[in-house]
PDB file of N, CA and C in Angstrom:
ATOM      1  N   UNK A   1       0.846  -1.178   0.000  1.00  0.00           N
ATOM      2  CA  UNK A   1       0.000   0.000   0.000  1.00  0.00           C
ATOM      3  C   UNK A   1       0.885   1.233   0.000  1.00  0.00           C
ATOM      4  N   UNK A   2       0.646   2.131  -0.935  1.00  0.00           N
ATOM      5  CA  UNK A   2       1.372   3.391  -0.957  1.00  0.00           C
ATOM      6  C   UNK A   2       0.388   4.533  -0.810  1.00  0.00           C
ATOM      7  N   UNK A   3       0.815   5.545  -0.120  1.00  0.00           N
ATOM      8  CA  UNK A   3      -0.058   6.683   0.122  1.00  0.00           C
ATOM      9  C   UNK A   3       0.811   7.923   0.257  1.00  0.00           C
ATOM     10  N   UNK A   4       0.789   8.783  -0.744  1.00  0.00           N
ATOM     11  CA  UNK A   4       1.553  10.017  -0.658  1.00  0.00           C
ATOM     12  C   UNK A   4       0.900  11.097  -1.507  1.00  0.00           C
ATOM     13  N   UNK A   5       1.074  12.337  -1.075  1.00  0.00           N
ATOM     14  CA  UNK A   5       0.507  13.498  -1.767  1.00  0.00           C
ATOM     15  C   UNK A   5       1.637  14.486  -1.976  1.00  0.00           C
ATOM     16  N   UNK A   6       1.912  14.847  -3.240  1.00  0.00           N
ATOM     17  CA  UNK A   6       2.994  15.771  -3.557  1.00  0.00           C
ATOM     18  C   UNK A   6       2.434  16.932  -4.364  1.00  0.00           C
ATOM     19  N   UNK A   7       2.422  18.126  -3.789  1.00  0.00           N
ATOM     20  CA  UNK A   7       1.941  19.347  -4.438  1.00  0.00           C
ATOM     21  C   UNK A   7       0.725  19.074  -5.317  1.00  0.00           C
ATOM     22  N   UNK A   8       0.790  19.362  -6.598  1.00  0.00           N
ATOM     23  CA  UNK A   8      -0.336  19.153  -7.504  1.00  0.00           C
ATOM     24  C   UNK A   8      -0.398  17.736  -8.041  1.00  0.00           C
ATOM     25  N   UNK A   9       0.656  16.981  -7.909  1.00  0.00           N
ATOM     26  CA  UNK A   9       0.708  15.600  -8.386  1.00  0.00           C
ATOM     27  C   UNK A   9       0.475  14.700  -7.182  1.00  0.00           C
ATOM     28  N   UNK A  10      -0.639  14.013  -7.153  1.00  0.00           N
ATOM     29  CA  UNK A  10      -0.949  13.179  -6.003  1.00  0.00           C
ATOM     30  C   UNK A  10      -1.430  11.812  -6.449  1.00  0.00           C
ATOM     31  N   UNK A  11      -1.048  10.816  -5.684  1.00  0.00           N
ATOM     32  CA  UNK A  11      -1.455   9.443  -5.960  1.00  0.00           C
ATOM     33  C   UNK A  11      -1.655   8.743  -4.623  1.00  0.00           C
ATOM     34  N   UNK A  12      -2.725   8.001  -4.515  1.00  0.00           N
ATOM     35  CA  UNK A  12      -2.972   7.175  -3.337  1.00  0.00           C
ATOM     36  C   UNK A  12      -3.530   5.853  -3.818  1.00  0.00           C
ATOM     37  N   UNK A  13      -2.824   4.765  -3.536  1.00  0.00           N
ATOM     38  CA  UNK A  13      -3.280   3.438  -3.920  1.00  0.00           C
ATOM     39  C   UNK A  13      -3.510   2.618  -2.662  1.00  0.00           C
ATOM     40  N   UNK A  14      -4.711   2.071  -2.527  1.00  0.00           N
ATOM     41  CA  UNK A  14      -5.075   1.274  -1.359  1.00  0.00           C
ATOM     42  C   UNK A  14      -5.833   0.045  -1.813  1.00  0.00           C
ATOM     43  N   UNK A  15      -5.779  -1.008  -1.000  1.00  0.00           N
ATOM     44  CA  UNK A  15      -6.516  -2.236  -1.271  1.00  0.00           C
ATOM     45  C   UNK A  15      -7.647  -2.368  -0.268  1.00  0.00           C
ATOM     46  N   UNK A  16      -8.834  -2.768  -0.749  1.00  0.00           N
ATOM     47  CA  UNK A  16      -9.954  -2.993   0.149  1.00  0.00           C
ATOM     48  C   UNK A  16      -9.880  -4.400   0.732  1.00  0.00           C
ATOM     49  N   UNK A  17     -10.902  -4.794   1.513  1.00  0.00           N
ATOM     50  CA  UNK A  17     -10.891  -6.100   2.183  1.00  0.00           C
ATOM     51  C   UNK A  17     -10.933  -7.274   1.216  1.00  0.00           C
ATOM     52  N   UNK A  18     -11.397  -7.046   0.002  1.00  0.00           N
ATOM     53  CA  UNK A  18     -11.440  -8.116  -0.998  1.00  0.00           C
ATOM     54  C   UNK A  18     -10.162  -8.179  -1.817  1.00  0.00           C
ATOM     55  N   UNK A  19      -9.228  -7.257  -1.532  1.00  0.00           N
ATOM     56  CA  UNK A  19      -7.968  -7.242  -2.249  1.00  0.00           C
ATOM     57  C   UNK A  19      -7.990  -6.424  -3.526  1.00  0.00           C
ATOM     58  N   UNK A  20      -9.090  -5.720  -3.784  1.00  0.00           N
ATOM     59  CA  UNK A  20      -9.192  -4.887  -4.971  1.00  0.00           C
ATOM     60  C   UNK A  20      -8.398  -3.603  -4.762  1.00  0.00           C
ATOM     61  N   UNK A  21      -7.585  -3.241  -5.724  1.00  0.00           N
ATOM     62  CA  UNK A  21      -6.760  -2.043  -5.641  1.00  0.00           C
ATOM     63  C   UNK A  21      -7.543  -0.833  -6.148  1.00  0.00           C
ATOM     64  N   UNK A  22      -7.499   0.256  -5.381  1.00  0.00           N
ATOM     65  CA  UNK A  22      -8.171   1.503  -5.742  1.00  0.00           C
ATOM     66  C   UNK A  22      -7.139   2.622  -5.747  1.00  0.00           C
ATOM     67  N   UNK A  23      -7.068   3.369  -6.837  1.00  0.00           N
ATOM     68  CA  UNK A  23      -6.119   4.467  -6.953  1.00  0.00           C
ATOM     69  C   UNK A  23      -6.868   5.786  -7.063  1.00  0.00           C
ATOM     70  N   UNK A  24      -6.507   6.735  -6.204  1.00  0.00           N
ATOM     71  CA  UNK A  24      -7.084   8.078  -6.235  1.00  0.00           C
ATOM     72  C   UNK A  24      -6.051   9.017  -6.839  1.00  0.00           C
ATOM     73  N   UNK A  25      -6.447   9.757  -7.859  1.00  0.00           N
ATOM     74  CA  UNK A  25      -5.524  10.669  -8.532  1.00  0.00           C
ATOM     75  C   UNK A  25      -5.354  11.997  -7.798  1.00  0.00           C
ATOM     76  N   UNK A  26      -6.319  12.343  -6.947  1.00  0.00           N
ATOM     77  CA  UNK A  26      -6.197  13.565  -6.157  1.00  0.00           C
ATOM     78  C   UNK A  26      -6.790  13.333  -4.777  1.00  0.00           C
ATOM     79  N   UNK A  27      -6.426  14.176  -3.845  1.00  0.00           N
ATOM     80  CA  UNK A  27      -6.870  14.036  -2.467  1.00  0.00           C
ATOM     81  C   UNK A  27      -8.373  14.276  -2.369  1.00  0.00           C
ATOM     82  N   UNK A  28      -9.104  13.388  -1.691  1.00  0.00           N
ATOM     83  CA  UNK A  28     -10.555  13.578  -1.527  1.00  0.00           C
ATOM     84  C   UNK A  28     -10.850  14.861  -0.746  1.00  0.00           C
ATOM     85  N   UNK A  29     -11.930  15.553  -1.125  1.00  0.00           N
ATOM     86  CA  UNK A  29     -12.291  16.789  -0.436  1.00  0.00           C
ATOM     87  C   UNK A  29     -13.698  16.747   0.137  1.00  0.00           C
ATOM     88  N   UNK A  30     -14.498  15.743  -0.233  1.00  0.00           N
ATOM     89  CA  UNK A  30     -15.855  15.606   0.310  1.00  0.00           C
ATOM     90  C   UNK A  30     -15.916  14.338   1.150  1.00  0.00           C
ATOM     91  N   UNK A  31     -16.514  14.443   2.337  1.00  0.00           N
ATOM     92  CA  UNK A  31     -16.578  13.321   3.266  1.00  0.00           C
ATOM     93  C   UNK A  31     -18.029  12.973   3.553  1.00  0.00           C
ATOM     94  N   UNK A  32     -18.365  11.692   3.449  1.00  0.00           N
ATOM     95  CA  UNK A  32     -19.649  11.163   3.890  1.00  0.00           C
ATOM     96  C   UNK A  32     -19.346  10.331   5.129  1.00  0.00           C
ATOM     97  N   UNK A  33     -19.839  10.767   6.271  1.00  0.00           N
ATOM     98  CA  UNK A  33     -19.551  10.079   7.527  1.00  0.00           C
ATOM     99  C   UNK A  33     -20.705   9.142   7.882  1.00  0.00           C
ATOM    100  N   UNK A  34     -20.396   7.863   8.009  1.00  0.00           N
ATOM    101  CA  UNK A  34     -21.408   6.851   8.296  1.00  0.00           C
ATOM    102  C   UNK A  34     -21.388   6.375   9.747  1.00  0.00           C
ATOM    103  N   UNK A  35     -20.451   6.884  10.532  1.00  0.00           N
ATOM    104  CA  UNK A  35     -20.309   6.464  11.928  1.00  0.00           C
ATOM    105  C   UNK A  35     -20.299   7.714  12.814  1.00  0.00           C
ATOM    106  N   UNK A  36     -21.256   7.835  13.726  1.00  0.00           N
ATOM    107  CA  UNK A  36     -21.342   9.039  14.561  1.00  0.00           C
ATOM    108  C   UNK A  36     -20.044   9.391  15.295  1.00  0.00           C
ATOM    109  N   UNK A  37     -19.348   8.423  15.825  1.00  0.00           N
ATOM    110  CA  UNK A  37     -18.101   8.731  16.541  1.00  0.00           C
ATOM    111  C   UNK A  37     -17.046   9.290  15.595  1.00  0.00           C
ATOM    112  N   UNK A  38     -17.045   8.835  14.350  1.00  0.00           N
ATOM    113  CA  UNK A  38     -16.095   9.363  13.375  1.00  0.00           C
ATOM    114  C   UNK A  38     -16.485  10.780  12.941  1.00  0.00           C
ATOM    115  N   UNK A  39     -17.791  11.063  12.930  1.00  0.00           N
ATOM    116  CA  UNK A  39     -18.251  12.419  12.621  1.00  0.00           C
ATOM    117  C   UNK A  39     -17.728  13.378  13.681  1.00  0.00           C
ATOM    118  N   UNK A  40     -17.815  12.982  14.942  1.00  0.00           N
ATOM    119  CA  UNK A  40     -17.289  13.812  16.025  1.00  0.00           C
ATOM    120  C   UNK A  40     -15.795  14.034  15.859  1.00  0.00           C
ATOM    121  N   UNK A  41     -15.069  12.989  15.491  1.00  0.00           N
ATOM    122  CA  UNK A  41     -13.629  13.107  15.274  1.00  0.00           C
ATOM    123  C   UNK A  41     -13.324  14.076  14.132  1.00  0.00           C
ATOM    124  N   UNK A  42     -14.091  13.997  13.054  1.00  0.00           N
ATOM    125  CA  UNK A  42     -13.890  14.908  11.920  1.00  0.00           C
ATOM    126  C   UNK A  42     -14.094  16.359  12.349  1.00  0.00           C
ATOM    127  N   UNK A  43     -15.110  16.629  13.182  1.00  0.00           N
ATOM    128  CA  UNK A  43     -15.330  17.975  13.706  1.00  0.00           C
ATOM    129  C   UNK A  43     -14.168  18.402  14.592  1.00  0.00           C
ATOM    130  N   UNK A  44     -13.691  17.485  15.440  1.00  0.00           N
ATOM    131  CA  UNK A  44     -12.561  17.805  16.317  1.00  0.00           C
ATOM    132  C   UNK A  44     -11.299  18.112  15.527  1.00  0.00           C
ATOM    133  N   UNK A  45     -11.147  17.488  14.364  1.00  0.00           N
ATOM    134  CA  UNK A  45      -9.977  17.720  13.515  1.00  0.00           C
ATOM    135  C   UNK A  45     -10.138  18.949  12.630  1.00  0.00           C
ATOM    136  N   UNK A  46     -11.295  19.618  12.722  1.00  0.00           N
ATOM    137  CA  UNK A  46     -11.528  20.827  11.949  1.00  0.00           C
ATOM    138  C   UNK A  46     -11.901  20.571  10.499  1.00  0.00           C
ATOM    139  N   UNK A  47     -12.436  19.390  10.203  1.00  0.00           N
ATOM    140  CA  UNK A  47     -12.780  19.026   8.838  1.00  0.00           C
ATOM    141  C   UNK A  47     -14.276  19.166   8.542  1.00  0.00           C
ATOM    142  N   UNK A  48     -14.988  19.907   9.370  1.00  0.00           N
ATOM    143  CA  UNK A  48     -16.441  20.018   9.196  1.00  0.00           C
ATOM    144  C   UNK A  48     -16.836  20.623   7.848  1.00  0.00           C
ATOM    145  N   UNK A  49     -15.991  21.449   7.263  1.00  0.00           N
ATOM    146  CA  UNK A  49     -16.308  22.042   5.960  1.00  0.00           C
ATOM    147  C   UNK A  49     -16.269  21.013   4.831  1.00  0.00           C
ATOM    148  N   UNK A  50     -15.614  19.876   5.070  1.00  0.00           N
ATOM    149  CA  UNK A  50     -15.508  18.822   4.056  1.00  0.00           C
ATOM    150  C   UNK A  50     -16.627  17.793   4.162  1.00  0.00           C
ATOM    151  N   UNK A  51     -17.395  17.805   5.253  1.00  0.00           N
ATOM    152  CA  UNK A  51     -18.454  16.814   5.457  1.00  0.00           C
ATOM    153  C   UNK A  51     -19.673  17.215   4.638  1.00  0.00           C
ATOM    154  N   UNK A  52     -20.139  16.297   3.773  1.00  0.00           N
ATOM    155  CA  UNK A  52     -21.300  16.601   2.938  1.00  0.00           C
ATOM    156  C   UNK A  52     -22.535  15.801   3.348  1.00  0.00           C
ATOM    157  N   UNK A  53     -22.378  14.698   4.040  1.00  0.00           N
ATOM    158  CA  UNK A  53     -23.513  13.896   4.519  1.00  0.00           C
ATOM    159  C   UNK A  53     -23.135  13.179   5.813  1.00  0.00           C
ATOM    160  N   UNK A  54     -24.151  13.032   6.688  1.00  0.00           N
ATOM    161  CA  UNK A  54     -23.986  12.270   7.935  1.00  0.00           C
ATOM    162  C   UNK A  54     -25.208  11.368   8.102  1.00  0.00           C
ATOM    163  N   UNK A  55     -25.163  10.469   9.085  1.00  0.00           N
ATOM    164  CA  UNK A  55     -26.300   9.591   9.346  1.00  0.00           C
ATOM    165  C   UNK A  55     -27.296  10.287  10.261  1.00  0.00           C
ATOM    166  N   UNK A  56     -28.477   9.715  10.369  1.00  0.00           N
ATOM    167  CA  UNK A  56     -29.492  10.293  11.255  1.00  0.00           C
ATOM    168  C   UNK A  56     -29.145  10.085  12.724  1.00  0.00           C
ATOM    169  N   UNK A  57     -28.124   9.281  12.996  1.00  0.00           N
ATOM    170  CA  UNK A  57     -27.721   9.003  14.366  1.00  0.00           C
ATOM    171  C   UNK A  57     -26.655   9.965  14.879  1.00  0.00           C
ATOM    172  N   UNK A  58     -26.114  10.821  14.007  1.00  0.00           N
ATOM    173  CA  UNK A  58     -25.094  11.785  14.413  1.00  0.00           C
ATOM    174  C   UNK A  58     -25.713  12.876  15.272  1.00  0.00           C
ATOM    175  N   UNK A  59     -24.981  13.343  16.270  1.00  0.00           N
ATOM    176  CA  UNK A  59     -25.495  14.373  17.169  1.00  0.00           C
ATOM    177  C   UNK A  59     -25.395  15.769  16.558  1.00  0.00           C
ATOM    178  N   UNK A  60     -24.582  15.929  15.520  1.00  0.00           N
ATOM    179  CA  UNK A  60     -24.458  17.221  14.860  1.00  0.00           C
ATOM    180  C   UNK A  60     -25.655  17.447  13.960  1.00  0.00           C
ATOM    181  N   UNK A  61     -26.216  18.636  14.010  1.00  0.00           N
ATOM    182  CA  UNK A  61     -27.411  18.957  13.237  1.00  0.00           C
ATOM    183  C   UNK A  61     -27.075  19.031  11.749  1.00  0.00           C
ATOM    184  N   UNK A  62     -28.053  18.729  10.905  1.00  0.00           N
ATOM    185  CA  UNK A  62     -27.842  18.723   9.470  1.00  0.00           C
ATOM    186  C   UNK A  62     -27.532  20.118   8.915  1.00  0.00           C
ATOM    187  N   UNK A  63     -27.923  21.183   9.607  1.00  0.00           N
ATOM    188  CA  UNK A  63     -27.593  22.512   9.095  1.00  0.00           C
ATOM    189  C   UNK A  63     -26.100  22.788   9.213  1.00  0.00           C
ATOM    190  N   UNK A  64     -25.376  21.994   9.994  1.00  0.00           N
ATOM    191  CA  UNK A  64     -23.933  22.150  10.103  1.00  0.00           C
ATOM    192  C   UNK A  64     -23.190  21.423   8.990  1.00  0.00           C
ATOM    193  N   UNK A  65     -23.922  20.684   8.153  1.00  0.00           N
ATOM    194  CA  UNK A  65     -23.304  19.854   7.119  1.00  0.00           C
ATOM    195  C   UNK A  65     -23.455  20.516   5.770  1.00  0.00           C
ATOM    196  N   UNK A  66     -22.365  20.582   5.003  1.00  0.00           N
ATOM    197  CA  UNK A  66     -22.383  21.174   3.657  1.00  0.00           C
ATOM    198  C   UNK A  66     -23.003  20.201   2.668  1.00  0.00           C
ATOM    199  N   UNK A  67     -23.519  20.739   1.563  1.00  0.00           N
ATOM    200  CA  UNK A  67     -23.995  19.869   0.504  1.00  0.00           C
ATOM    201  C   UNK A  67     -25.434  19.820   0.312  1.00  0.00           C
TER     202      UNK A  67
END
């Protein structure tokens, strides 16, 4: 697994649980949070502007979510 971001040239290659390789050409900027505890962590890390969807179980109100 390689994961690195260099200025405008970025590459991230990861394998999922089935062993399928996925390559991202640029850094993701939109986040869909499916786990309430991870949503809280994203807010604590200051990434709330990148969150576009959350679950109905998240304690953060939907008006705080972009998108």
